[in-house]
Amino acid sequence: MSAKDRTLTILAQTARRVPYVSTRRIEQIERTLGVVLANDMAKIGAVILLLFVVLAVAAPVIAPNDPNERITDEEGWVKGGGPSVSTPLGTTDSAYPLFSRLVYGTRIAFLVGLSTAVVVAGVGTLIGIVAGYRGGRVENLFMRAVDVAYGLPFLPFVIVLILVLGRGHLSIVVAISALLWRDTARVIRSEVVSIKEQPMIDAAVASGASDARIVLHHIFPKVLPITMLYSVFAVGWAIIAEAGLSFIGFGDPDAISWGRVLNNAHTANAIQQELWLWIAAPGLLIIGFVLATYFLGQGIEEVVNPKLRSRGQ
């Protein structure tokens, strides 16, 4: 039995132990996971993300130094020091251990990325389902809100909102999510409008099913892959946005993030000092994390759009 088959079997057995999970729903979950795991790019993305998870969870064990303590030797602070056993990536011009700061920065990436994904998925899915299912004035109202969100310039809007709310992780998540939900809402609304035309919805209405039951049992399961897809993409967008905001000085001043490390490198003229690791390391981590979410999204997209699956075969 392959690793993928074992994974599917374990997940299926777990699902069967959960009350009120129908056999049909279990089979749907198995098919969805099978499609995602069958995509080579998705596997690569999942492995990379797993490595980042290990870094974030085991940061106190992996990081050899406290990221907020300066490295010293018999001559004093080790400013701009090269790689060593205790400082694998060297130190900054202020003698902070670069490797430890990057490891702990992984936690900020997950905090901002996952929090944004949850908000974007919740708000976008709710608005999309309500607009598509209700139609009429409700749909028109929500879609005009989507149009307004598309008309706002992302970076200036986020910066202004952060200045109003204050510089912090919560403010960054709220500011980023305030615009990213629009894509999820628009696509899900279109999908719900299409689902409403299917015979199963007419049958559910004829049988006297309530709107809540129709949405929960017939509509939400069908739009869930779309929600997952845009949630994964939202993680990547949030990490890029947080890094960019921290780089230009609008991030959380008390947090150690990859964007703040780049900001410190720029402020200290790391290029002129030839401290290349100080610039390259956080940049590569940001690129790696974002690419991992993109690769994983490729597998989920094959669930949303089966034509991509057949084309790949």
Foldseek 3Di string as FASTA:
>chain_A
DDPLVVVLVVVLVVQVVDPPQDPVNSVVVSVLSVLLVVFPLLVVLVVLVVVLVCLQVCLVPPQLDDQPDADADPVGGQALADADPNQRHGAHRRRGRLVSLASNQSNLLCVLLLLLLVLLLVVLLVLQLCLQVVPDPSVVVSVVVLVVLVVDDLPVQLLVQCVVVDAESVSLSCSNSVRLSSVSSVVSNVVSNVQCPDVVVVVCVVVPHDPVCCCVPPRCVLCVLVSVLSSLLSSLVRLVSQLVCLLVPRHHPVGRHLSVLCNSCVVVVVVVVVSVSSNPVSVVVSVSNNSSSVSSSVSSVCVVPVVVVVVVD
